[in-house]
């Protein structure tokens, strides 16, 4: 196992624990207008965007299991949803290679909406009661709005924590070759 992968694994484990502890202990306690922020889908989507589909899915599963154990809820519900979020955001990175500054915001909003709708849907399917109607819609829109406000800072913090532990991307090396004096394929005669 390469040193970078070992370092990356430890950092992802630390991010997982810190995120769940801060979500349960602090972030979920702050409520404004009947809704509060949810860091967990933002972090799962950010990790997927940074490291790829498979590590994003594994991280989403792990953070979901830890969240289920911390909140003493039905085990597997959060891990299933966050696994899908981590995989989807990592797959977006692998297929499209998004470089825009607004991509973490869009992915964060989509991940939050998917997590909220997924939690509600799985809760109903498991036979538990969910307050359907305007209260659910208000909570969904409020959580999405709060997460939209913090999506880019969360992404930047996660990126800062993981960037130096990532192996060098071969796509960056290929792009650099054209800017260092090599001939561009467009300038050949």
N, C-alpha and C. Protein backbone atom coordinates (compact mmCIF):
# COMPACT_ATOMS: atom_id res chain seq x y z
N UNK A 1 0.84 -1.18 0.00
CA UNK A 1 0.00 0.00 0.00
C UNK A 1 0.88 1.24 0.00
N UNK A 2 0.63 2.13 -0.90
CA UNK A 2 1.40 3.35 -1.03
C UNK A 2 1.16 4.26 0.17
N UNK A 3 2.14 5.06 0.51
CA UNK A 3 2.01 5.97 1.64
C UNK A 3 0.87 6.96 1.42
N UNK A 4 0.68 7.40 0.18
CA UNK A 4 -0.41 8.34 -0.09
C UNK A 4 -1.77 7.72 0.20
N UNK A 5 -1.95 6.45 -0.16
CA UNK A 5 -3.24 5.80 0.08
C UNK A 5 -3.46 5.56 1.57
N UNK A 6 -2.40 5.24 2.30
CA UNK A 6 -2.54 5.06 3.74
C UNK A 6 -2.89 6.39 4.40
N UNK A 7 -2.22 7.45 3.99
CA UNK A 7 -2.52 8.78 4.53
C UNK A 7 -3.94 9.20 4.16
N UNK A 8 -4.33 8.93 2.93
CA UNK A 8 -5.68 9.27 2.49
C UNK A 8 -6.72 8.51 3.30
N UNK A 9 -6.48 7.24 3.58
CA UNK A 9 -7.43 6.45 4.37
C UNK A 9 -7.59 7.01 5.77
N UNK A 10 -6.49 7.37 6.39
CA UNK A 10 -6.56 7.92 7.74
C UNK A 10 -7.27 9.28 7.75
N UNK A 11 -7.00 10.07 6.75
CA UNK A 11 -7.66 11.37 6.69
C UNK A 11 -9.16 11.23 6.46
N UNK A 12 -9.54 10.31 5.59
CA UNK A 12 -10.98 10.07 5.36
C UNK A 12 -11.66 9.56 6.62
N UNK A 13 -11.00 8.69 7.38
CA UNK A 13 -11.57 8.20 8.64
C UNK A 13 -11.72 9.33 9.65
N UNK A 14 -10.72 10.20 9.72
CA UNK A 14 -10.80 11.33 10.64
C UNK A 14 -11.90 12.30 10.23
N UNK A 15 -12.04 12.56 8.93
CA UNK A 15 -13.10 13.44 8.43
C UNK A 15 -14.46 12.84 8.76
N UNK A 16 -14.59 11.53 8.62
CA UNK A 16 -15.84 10.85 8.91
C UNK A 16 -16.24 11.04 10.37
N UNK A 17 -15.33 10.80 11.28
CA UNK A 17 -15.62 10.91 12.71
C UNK A 17 -15.91 12.36 13.09
N UNK A 18 -15.08 13.28 12.63
CA UNK A 18 -15.27 14.70 12.98
C UNK A 18 -16.60 15.22 12.44
N UNK A 19 -16.97 14.81 11.24
CA UNK A 19 -18.23 15.27 10.65
C UNK A 19 -19.43 14.77 11.45
N UNK A 20 -19.44 13.50 11.78
CA UNK A 20 -20.59 12.95 12.51
C UNK A 20 -20.67 13.55 13.91
N UNK A 21 -19.55 13.69 14.59
CA UNK A 21 -19.57 14.26 15.94
C UNK A 21 -20.03 15.71 15.90
N UNK A 22 -19.53 16.50 14.95
CA UNK A 22 -19.94 17.91 14.88
C UNK A 22 -21.39 18.03 14.43
N UNK A 23 -21.87 17.13 13.57
CA UNK A 23 -23.27 17.17 13.15
C UNK A 23 -24.19 16.87 14.33
N UNK A 24 -23.88 15.82 15.08
CA UNK A 24 -24.75 15.41 16.18
C UNK A 24 -24.65 16.38 17.35
N UNK A 25 -23.44 16.84 17.66
CA UNK A 25 -23.25 17.65 18.85
C UNK A 25 -23.56 19.13 18.65
N UNK A 26 -23.31 19.66 17.47
CA UNK A 26 -23.44 21.11 17.31
C UNK A 26 -24.41 21.53 16.22
N UNK A 27 -24.21 21.05 15.01
CA UNK A 27 -24.95 21.58 13.86
C UNK A 27 -26.43 21.26 13.95
N UNK A 28 -26.77 20.06 14.40
CA UNK A 28 -28.19 19.69 14.47
C UNK A 28 -28.92 20.42 15.60
N UNK A 29 -28.18 21.02 16.52
CA UNK A 29 -28.80 21.75 17.62
C UNK A 29 -29.20 23.17 17.24
N UNK A 30 -28.62 23.70 16.16
CA UNK A 30 -28.91 25.06 15.72
C UNK A 30 -30.08 25.01 14.73
N UNK A 31 -31.19 25.59 15.12
CA UNK A 31 -32.37 25.57 14.27
C UNK A 31 -32.82 27.00 14.01
N UNK A 32 -32.99 27.30 12.73
CA UNK A 32 -33.44 28.63 12.32
C UNK A 32 -34.66 28.45 11.43
N UNK A 33 -35.75 29.05 11.81
CA UNK A 33 -37.01 28.99 11.06
C UNK A 33 -37.49 27.55 10.83
N UNK A 34 -37.27 26.68 11.79
CA UNK A 34 -37.76 25.32 11.70
C UNK A 34 -36.90 24.36 10.92
N UNK A 35 -35.73 24.77 10.49
CA UNK A 35 -34.84 23.88 9.73
C UNK A 35 -33.41 24.09 10.20
N UNK A 36 -32.57 23.09 9.94
CA UNK A 36 -31.17 23.23 10.29
C UNK A 36 -30.30 22.63 9.19
N UNK A 37 -29.03 22.94 9.23
CA UNK A 37 -28.09 22.46 8.21
C UNK A 37 -27.77 20.99 8.43
N UNK A 38 -27.34 20.33 7.39
CA UNK A 38 -26.97 18.92 7.45
C UNK A 38 -25.62 18.76 6.75
N UNK A 39 -24.56 18.60 7.53
CA UNK A 39 -23.21 18.51 6.98
C UNK A 39 -22.93 17.20 6.27
N UNK A 40 -23.59 16.14 6.68
CA UNK A 40 -23.21 14.80 6.24
C UNK A 40 -23.34 14.62 4.72
N UNK A 41 -24.47 14.98 4.08
CA UNK A 41 -24.50 14.81 2.62
C UNK A 41 -23.52 15.73 1.89
N UNK A 42 -23.25 16.90 2.44
CA UNK A 42 -22.27 17.80 1.83
C UNK A 42 -20.87 17.19 1.86
N UNK A 43 -20.51 16.61 2.98
CA UNK A 43 -19.18 16.01 3.11
C UNK A 43 -19.07 14.78 2.22
N UNK A 44 -20.12 13.95 2.18
CA UNK A 44 -20.08 12.76 1.32
C UNK A 44 -19.96 13.15 -0.15
N UNK A 45 -20.69 14.17 -0.58
CA UNK A 45 -20.60 14.63 -1.96
C UNK A 45 -19.24 15.26 -2.25
N UNK A 46 -18.70 16.00 -1.30
CA UNK A 46 -17.39 16.63 -1.49
C UNK A 46 -16.29 15.58 -1.62
N UNK A 47 -16.33 14.56 -0.78
CA UNK A 47 -15.33 13.50 -0.87
C UNK A 47 -15.45 12.78 -2.20
N UNK A 48 -16.67 12.52 -2.65
CA UNK A 48 -16.85 11.88 -3.94
C UNK A 48 -16.30 12.73 -5.08
N UNK A 49 -16.54 14.04 -5.02
CA UNK A 49 -16.02 14.93 -6.06
C UNK A 49 -14.50 14.99 -6.07
N UNK A 50 -13.89 14.80 -4.92
CA UNK A 50 -12.43 14.94 -4.83
C UNK A 50 -11.72 13.63 -5.13
N UNK A 51 -12.20 12.51 -4.60
CA UNK A 51 -11.44 11.26 -4.72
C UNK A 51 -12.00 10.27 -5.73
N UNK A 52 -13.24 10.41 -6.17
CA UNK A 52 -13.78 9.51 -7.18
C UNK A 52 -14.95 8.68 -6.68
N UNK A 53 -15.44 7.80 -7.55
CA UNK A 53 -16.68 7.07 -7.28
C UNK A 53 -16.53 5.99 -6.21
N UNK A 54 -15.56 5.12 -6.35
CA UNK A 54 -15.44 4.01 -5.40
C UNK A 54 -15.06 4.49 -4.00
N UNK A 55 -14.03 5.32 -3.83
CA UNK A 55 -13.76 5.83 -2.48
C UNK A 55 -14.91 6.69 -1.95
N UNK A 56 -15.60 7.42 -2.83
CA UNK A 56 -16.74 8.21 -2.39
C UNK A 56 -17.87 7.34 -1.89
N UNK A 57 -18.11 6.22 -2.56
CA UNK A 57 -19.16 5.29 -2.13
C UNK A 57 -18.79 4.64 -0.79
N UNK A 58 -17.54 4.25 -0.65
CA UNK A 58 -17.09 3.64 0.61
C UNK A 58 -17.19 4.64 1.75
N UNK A 59 -16.77 5.88 1.48
CA UNK A 59 -16.86 6.92 2.50
C UNK A 59 -18.32 7.20 2.85
N UNK A 60 -19.19 7.28 1.85
CA UNK A 60 -20.61 7.51 2.11
C UNK A 60 -21.23 6.41 2.96
N UNK A 61 -20.87 5.18 2.66
CA UNK A 61 -21.37 4.06 3.46
C UNK A 61 -20.88 4.16 4.90
N UNK A 62 -19.59 4.44 5.08
CA UNK A 62 -19.00 4.51 6.42
C UNK A 62 -19.60 5.65 7.23
N UNK A 63 -19.73 6.81 6.63
CA UNK A 63 -20.27 7.95 7.38
C UNK A 63 -21.76 7.73 7.69
N UNK A 64 -22.47 7.04 6.79
CA UNK A 64 -23.87 6.73 7.04
C UNK A 64 -24.04 5.74 8.19
N UNK A 65 -23.19 4.71 8.23
CA UNK A 65 -23.26 3.75 9.33
C UNK A 65 -22.93 4.42 10.66
N UNK A 66 -21.89 5.25 10.66
CA UNK A 66 -21.52 5.95 11.89
C UNK A 66 -22.64 6.88 12.34
N UNK A 67 -23.30 7.54 11.40
CA UNK A 67 -24.42 8.41 11.74
C UNK A 67 -25.59 7.62 12.29
N UNK A 68 -25.90 6.48 11.68
CA UNK A 68 -26.99 5.64 12.19
C UNK A 68 -26.70 5.15 13.60
N UNK A 69 -25.46 4.75 13.87
CA UNK A 69 -25.11 4.30 15.21
C UNK A 69 -25.14 5.46 16.21
N UNK A 70 -24.70 6.64 15.79
CA UNK A 70 -24.67 7.79 16.70
C UNK A 70 -26.08 8.26 17.05
N UNK A 71 -26.99 8.21 16.10
CA UNK A 71 -28.36 8.68 16.33
C UNK A 71 -29.29 7.56 16.80
N UNK A 72 -28.79 6.34 16.89
CA UNK A 72 -29.56 5.16 17.29
C UNK A 72 -30.84 5.07 16.45
N UNK A 73 -30.63 5.04 15.15
CA UNK A 73 -31.75 4.91 14.22
C UNK A 73 -31.63 3.58 13.49
N UNK A 74 -32.54 3.34 12.57
CA UNK A 74 -32.53 2.10 11.80
C UNK A 74 -31.21 2.01 11.03
N UNK A 75 -30.46 0.97 11.32
CA UNK A 75 -29.12 0.83 10.74
C UNK A 75 -29.24 0.52 9.25
N UNK A 76 -28.56 1.28 8.45
CA UNK A 76 -28.50 1.05 7.02
C UNK A 76 -29.23 2.08 6.19
N UNK A 77 -30.12 2.83 6.77
CA UNK A 77 -30.89 3.81 5.99
C UNK A 77 -29.98 4.94 5.52
N UNK A 78 -29.28 5.55 6.44
CA UNK A 78 -28.38 6.65 6.07
C UNK A 78 -27.23 6.15 5.22
N UNK A 79 -26.73 4.96 5.52
CA UNK A 79 -25.59 4.46 4.74
C UNK A 79 -25.98 4.17 3.30
N UNK A 80 -27.19 3.69 3.07
CA UNK A 80 -27.65 3.44 1.71
C UNK A 80 -27.75 4.74 0.91
N UNK A 81 -28.32 5.75 1.51
CA UNK A 81 -28.50 7.03 0.83
C UNK A 81 -27.16 7.71 0.59
N UNK A 82 -26.31 7.73 1.60
CA UNK A 82 -25.02 8.41 1.47
C UNK A 82 -24.05 7.65 0.58
N UNK A 83 -24.20 6.33 0.50
CA UNK A 83 -23.42 5.55 -0.46
C UNK A 83 -23.75 6.00 -1.88
N UNK A 84 -25.04 6.15 -2.16
CA UNK A 84 -25.47 6.60 -3.49
C UNK A 84 -24.98 8.02 -3.78
N UNK A 85 -25.01 8.89 -2.78
CA UNK A 85 -24.55 10.27 -2.97
C UNK A 85 -23.05 10.31 -3.24
N UNK A 86 -22.27 9.58 -2.45
CA UNK A 86 -20.82 9.54 -2.66
C UNK A 86 -20.45 8.96 -4.01
N UNK A 87 -21.15 7.90 -4.41
CA UNK A 87 -20.87 7.28 -5.70
C UNK A 87 -21.25 8.20 -6.86
N UNK A 88 -22.42 8.81 -6.78
CA UNK A 88 -22.89 9.67 -7.87
C UNK A 88 -21.99 10.89 -8.05
N UNK A 89 -21.58 11.52 -6.96
CA UNK A 89 -20.71 12.68 -7.10
C UNK A 89 -19.32 12.27 -7.59
N UNK A 90 -18.83 11.12 -7.16
CA UNK A 90 -17.55 10.64 -7.66
C UNK A 90 -17.63 10.24 -9.13
N UNK A 91 -18.75 9.68 -9.52
CA UNK A 91 -18.93 9.31 -10.93
C UNK A 91 -19.00 10.56 -11.81
N UNK A 92 -19.61 11.62 -11.29
CA UNK A 92 -19.62 12.89 -12.02
C UNK A 92 -18.19 13.38 -12.25
N UNK A 93 -17.35 13.26 -11.25
CA UNK A 93 -15.95 13.66 -11.38
C UNK A 93 -15.24 12.82 -12.44
N UNK A 94 -15.50 11.53 -12.45
CA UNK A 94 -14.80 10.65 -13.38
C UNK A 94 -15.29 10.81 -14.82
N UNK A 95 -16.56 11.06 -15.01
CA UNK A 95 -17.10 11.15 -16.36
C UNK A 95 -16.97 12.54 -16.98
N UNK A 96 -17.22 13.56 -16.22
CA UNK A 96 -17.27 14.92 -16.76
C UNK A 96 -16.08 15.79 -16.39
N UNK A 97 -15.34 15.44 -15.34
CA UNK A 97 -14.22 16.24 -14.85
C UNK A 97 -14.62 17.70 -14.68
N UNK A 98 -15.59 17.98 -13.78
CA UNK A 98 -16.07 19.34 -13.61
C UNK A 98 -14.99 20.24 -13.00
N UNK A 99 -14.79 21.39 -13.61
CA UNK A 99 -13.77 22.31 -13.15
C UNK A 99 -14.35 23.64 -12.67
N UNK A 100 -15.63 23.87 -12.84
CA UNK A 100 -16.23 25.14 -12.50
C UNK A 100 -16.28 25.39 -11.00
N UNK A 101 -16.27 26.64 -10.63
CA UNK A 101 -16.31 27.01 -9.22
C UNK A 101 -17.67 26.78 -8.60
N UNK A 102 -18.70 26.69 -9.41
CA UNK A 102 -20.05 26.53 -8.89
C UNK A 102 -20.46 25.06 -8.78
N UNK A 103 -19.63 24.15 -9.27
CA UNK A 103 -19.96 22.72 -9.24
C UNK A 103 -20.18 22.21 -7.82
N UNK A 104 -19.34 22.55 -6.81
CA UNK A 104 -19.61 22.07 -5.45
C UNK A 104 -20.96 22.57 -4.91
N UNK A 105 -21.36 23.77 -5.30
CA UNK A 105 -22.65 24.28 -4.85
C UNK A 105 -23.79 23.48 -5.45
N UNK A 106 -23.74 23.22 -6.74
CA UNK A 106 -24.80 22.47 -7.41
C UNK A 106 -24.85 21.04 -6.90
N UNK A 107 -23.70 20.40 -6.77
CA UNK A 107 -23.66 19.03 -6.27
C UNK A 107 -24.10 18.98 -4.81
N UNK A 108 -23.73 19.96 -4.01
CA UNK A 108 -24.15 20.00 -2.61
C UNK A 108 -25.65 20.16 -2.46
N UNK A 109 -26.24 21.02 -3.27
CA UNK A 109 -27.70 21.20 -3.22
C UNK A 109 -28.41 19.93 -3.67
N UNK A 110 -27.92 19.32 -4.75
CA UNK A 110 -28.52 18.07 -5.23
C UNK A 110 -28.37 16.95 -4.21
N UNK A 111 -27.21 16.87 -3.57
CA UNK A 111 -26.98 15.83 -2.56
C UNK A 111 -27.87 16.04 -1.34
N UNK A 112 -28.04 17.28 -0.92
CA UNK A 112 -28.90 17.56 0.22
C UNK A 112 -30.35 17.23 -0.10
N UNK A 113 -30.82 17.63 -1.26
CA UNK A 113 -32.20 17.32 -1.65
C UNK A 113 -32.40 15.82 -1.76
N UNK A 114 -31.44 15.11 -2.37
CA UNK A 114 -31.55 13.66 -2.50
C UNK A 114 -31.55 12.99 -1.13
N UNK A 115 -30.71 13.48 -0.21
CA UNK A 115 -30.66 12.90 1.12
C UNK A 115 -31.96 13.13 1.87
N UNK A 116 -32.49 14.33 1.83
CA UNK A 116 -33.74 14.62 2.54
C UNK A 116 -34.91 13.83 1.98
N UNK A 117 -35.02 13.79 0.66
CA UNK A 117 -36.11 13.03 0.05
C UNK A 117 -35.92 11.53 0.28
N UNK A 118 -34.69 11.06 0.18
CA UNK A 118 -34.41 9.65 0.41
C UNK A 118 -34.70 9.22 1.83
N UNK A 119 -34.30 10.03 2.82
CA UNK A 119 -34.60 9.71 4.21
C UNK A 119 -36.11 9.65 4.43
N UNK A 120 -36.83 10.61 3.90
CA UNK A 120 -38.28 10.63 4.07
C UNK A 120 -38.93 9.42 3.40
N UNK A 121 -38.51 9.11 2.19
CA UNK A 121 -39.08 7.99 1.46
C UNK A 121 -38.79 6.65 2.14
N UNK A 122 -37.55 6.45 2.57
CA UNK A 122 -37.23 5.20 3.25
C UNK A 122 -37.91 5.09 4.61
N UNK A 123 -38.09 6.19 5.28
CA UNK A 123 -38.81 6.18 6.55
C UNK A 123 -40.26 5.76 6.35
N UNK A 124 -40.90 6.28 5.31
CA UNK A 124 -42.28 5.90 5.00
C UNK A 124 -42.33 4.43 4.60
N UNK A 125 -41.37 3.98 3.79
CA UNK A 125 -41.36 2.59 3.35
C UNK A 125 -41.12 1.61 4.50
N UNK A 126 -40.43 2.05 5.54
CA UNK A 126 -40.19 1.20 6.69
C UNK A 126 -41.36 1.22 7.68
N UNK A 127 -42.40 1.98 7.38
CA UNK A 127 -43.60 1.98 8.21
C UNK A 127 -43.59 2.96 9.36
N UNK A 128 -42.64 3.86 9.40
CA UNK A 128 -42.61 4.85 10.46
C UNK A 128 -43.40 6.08 10.01
N UNK A 129 -43.84 6.86 10.94
CA UNK A 129 -44.64 8.03 10.59
C UNK A 129 -43.74 9.21 10.24
N UNK A 130 -44.13 9.90 9.20
CA UNK A 130 -43.43 11.09 8.73
C UNK A 130 -44.47 12.18 8.58
N UNK A 131 -44.20 13.39 9.12
CA UNK A 131 -45.18 14.47 8.96
C UNK A 131 -45.19 14.98 7.51
N UNK A 132 -46.08 14.42 6.72
CA UNK A 132 -46.18 14.84 5.32
C UNK A 132 -46.91 16.17 5.23
N UNK A 133 -46.65 16.89 4.18
CA UNK A 133 -47.34 18.15 3.96
C UNK A 133 -46.38 19.32 3.97
N UNK A 134 -46.90 20.46 4.42
CA UNK A 134 -46.11 21.69 4.39
C UNK A 134 -44.93 21.67 5.35
N UNK A 135 -45.06 20.97 6.47
CA UNK A 135 -43.94 20.94 7.41
C UNK A 135 -42.74 20.20 6.82
N UNK A 136 -42.99 19.11 6.11
CA UNK A 136 -41.90 18.38 5.45
C UNK A 136 -41.29 19.21 4.33
N UNK A 137 -42.12 19.87 3.56
CA UNK A 137 -41.63 20.72 2.48
C UNK A 137 -40.82 21.89 3.03
N UNK A 138 -41.28 22.50 4.11
CA UNK A 138 -40.56 23.62 4.72
C UNK A 138 -39.20 23.17 5.25
N UNK A 139 -39.16 22.00 5.89
CA UNK A 139 -37.89 21.48 6.39
C UNK A 139 -36.95 21.15 5.24
N UNK A 140 -37.47 20.56 4.18
CA UNK A 140 -36.65 20.23 3.01
C UNK A 140 -36.06 21.48 2.38
N UNK A 141 -36.89 22.49 2.14
CA UNK A 141 -36.41 23.72 1.51
C UNK A 141 -35.45 24.48 2.42
N UNK A 142 -35.73 24.48 3.72
CA UNK A 142 -34.84 25.17 4.66
C UNK A 142 -33.47 24.51 4.74
N UNK A 143 -33.45 23.19 4.80
CA UNK A 143 -32.18 22.47 4.86
C UNK A 143 -31.38 22.64 3.57
N UNK A 144 -32.07 22.60 2.44
CA UNK A 144 -31.39 22.82 1.16
C UNK A 144 -30.82 24.23 1.09
N UNK A 145 -31.57 25.21 1.57
CA UNK A 145 -31.08 26.60 1.55
C UNK A 145 -29.87 26.78 2.46
N UNK A 146 -29.91 26.21 3.67
CA UNK A 146 -28.76 26.31 4.56
C UNK A 146 -27.54 25.61 3.98
N UNK A 147 -27.75 24.43 3.41
CA UNK A 147 -26.62 23.71 2.83
C UNK A 147 -26.08 24.40 1.59
N UNK A 148 -26.94 25.10 0.86
CA UNK A 148 -26.45 25.86 -0.29
C UNK A 148 -25.52 26.98 0.18
N UNK A 149 -25.82 27.55 1.33
CA UNK A 149 -24.98 28.63 1.85
C UNK A 149 -23.61 28.13 2.33
N UNK A 150 -23.54 26.88 2.77
CA UNK A 150 -22.27 26.38 3.31
C UNK A 150 -21.61 25.34 2.41
N UNK A 151 -22.14 25.08 1.23
CA UNK A 151 -21.61 24.01 0.37
C UNK A 151 -20.18 24.28 -0.09
N UNK A 152 -19.92 25.47 -0.56
CA UNK A 152 -18.58 25.78 -1.07
C UNK A 152 -17.54 25.82 0.05
N UNK A 153 -17.81 26.43 1.22
CA UNK A 153 -16.80 26.35 2.29
C UNK A 153 -16.53 24.92 2.77
N UNK A 154 -17.57 24.09 2.84
CA UNK A 154 -17.36 22.70 3.25
C UNK A 154 -16.50 21.98 2.22
N UNK A 155 -16.77 22.18 0.94
CA UNK A 155 -15.98 21.56 -0.12
C UNK A 155 -14.51 22.01 -0.03
N UNK A 156 -14.29 23.30 0.19
CA UNK A 156 -12.91 23.80 0.27
C UNK A 156 -12.16 23.25 1.47
N UNK A 157 -12.83 23.08 2.60
CA UNK A 157 -12.18 22.49 3.77
C UNK A 157 -11.83 21.03 3.51
N UNK A 158 -12.75 20.27 2.94
CA UNK A 158 -12.49 18.86 2.63
C UNK A 158 -11.38 18.74 1.60
N UNK A 159 -11.40 19.60 0.60
CA UNK A 159 -10.36 19.59 -0.43
C UNK A 159 -8.99 19.91 0.16
N UNK A 160 -8.97 20.87 1.06
CA UNK A 160 -7.71 21.25 1.72
C UNK A 160 -7.16 20.10 2.55
N UNK A 161 -8.05 19.36 3.20
CA UNK A 161 -7.61 18.23 4.03
C UNK A 161 -7.09 17.06 3.20
N UNK A 162 -7.63 16.88 2.00
CA UNK A 162 -7.30 15.69 1.21
C UNK A 162 -6.31 15.91 0.08
N UNK A 163 -6.11 17.13 -0.36
CA UNK A 163 -5.40 17.38 -1.60
C UNK A 163 -3.97 16.87 -1.60
N UNK A 164 -3.21 17.08 -0.54
CA UNK A 164 -1.82 16.65 -0.57
C UNK A 164 -1.66 15.15 -0.34
N UNK A 165 -2.73 14.44 0.06
CA UNK A 165 -2.66 12.99 0.22
C UNK A 165 -3.09 12.24 -1.03
N UNK A 166 -3.61 12.96 -2.02
CA UNK A 166 -4.07 12.32 -3.25
C UNK A 166 -2.90 12.04 -4.18
N UNK A 167 -2.94 10.92 -4.90
CA UNK A 167 -1.90 10.70 -5.91
C UNK A 167 -2.07 11.69 -7.05
N UNK A 168 -1.00 11.93 -7.78
CA UNK A 168 -1.07 12.90 -8.87
C UNK A 168 -1.99 12.37 -9.97
N UNK A 169 -2.82 13.23 -10.45
CA UNK A 169 -3.79 12.88 -11.49
C UNK A 169 -3.09 12.90 -12.85
N UNK A 170 -3.16 11.81 -13.62
CA UNK A 170 -2.48 11.81 -14.93
C UNK A 170 -3.08 12.82 -15.91
N UNK A 171 -4.34 13.22 -15.70
CA UNK A 171 -4.93 14.22 -16.60
C UNK A 171 -4.26 15.57 -16.43
N UNK A 172 -3.83 15.89 -15.19
CA UNK A 172 -3.13 17.16 -14.97
C UNK A 172 -1.77 17.14 -15.65
N UNK A 173 -1.09 16.01 -15.62
CA UNK A 173 0.22 15.90 -16.25
C UNK A 173 0.10 16.08 -17.76
N UNK A 174 -0.93 15.50 -18.36
CA UNK A 174 -1.12 15.60 -19.80
C UNK A 174 -1.41 17.04 -20.21
N UNK A 175 -2.20 17.75 -19.45
CA UNK A 175 -2.51 19.15 -19.77
C UNK A 175 -1.27 20.03 -19.65
N UNK A 176 -0.42 19.73 -18.67
CA UNK A 176 0.76 20.53 -18.44
C UNK A 176 1.76 20.40 -19.59
N UNK A 177 1.77 19.30 -20.29
CA UNK A 177 2.75 19.09 -21.35
C UNK A 177 2.59 20.11 -22.47
N UNK A 178 1.39 20.56 -22.74
CA UNK A 178 1.17 21.52 -23.81
C UNK A 178 1.57 22.94 -23.41
N UNK A 179 1.57 23.21 -22.13
CA UNK A 179 1.90 24.57 -21.69
C UNK A 179 3.38 24.75 -21.40
N UNK A 180 4.17 23.69 -21.46
CA UNK A 180 5.59 23.81 -21.14
C UNK A 180 6.46 23.82 -22.38
N UNK A 181 5.94 24.21 -23.50
CA UNK A 181 6.76 24.33 -24.68
C UNK A 181 6.51 23.25 -25.70
N UNK A 182 5.76 22.22 -25.35
CA UNK A 182 5.45 21.17 -26.32
C UNK A 182 4.49 21.69 -27.36
N UNK A 183 4.48 21.08 -28.51
CA UNK A 183 3.58 21.51 -29.58
C UNK A 183 2.15 21.11 -29.26
N UNK A 184 1.25 22.01 -29.47
CA UNK A 184 -0.16 21.73 -29.33
C UNK A 184 -0.63 20.95 -30.54
N UNK A 185 -1.61 20.06 -30.38
CA UNK A 185 -2.11 19.35 -31.55
C UNK A 185 -2.77 20.31 -32.56
N UNK A 186 -3.17 21.48 -32.15
CA UNK A 186 -3.79 22.43 -33.04
C UNK A 186 -2.77 23.21 -33.86
N UNK A 187 -1.52 23.29 -33.41
CA UNK A 187 -0.52 24.08 -34.12
C UNK A 187 0.30 23.28 -35.11
N UNK A 188 0.07 22.00 -35.22
CA UNK A 188 0.82 21.17 -36.17
C UNK A 188 0.36 21.48 -37.59
N UNK A 189 1.29 21.48 -38.52
CA UNK A 189 0.94 21.79 -39.90
C UNK A 189 0.94 20.58 -40.77
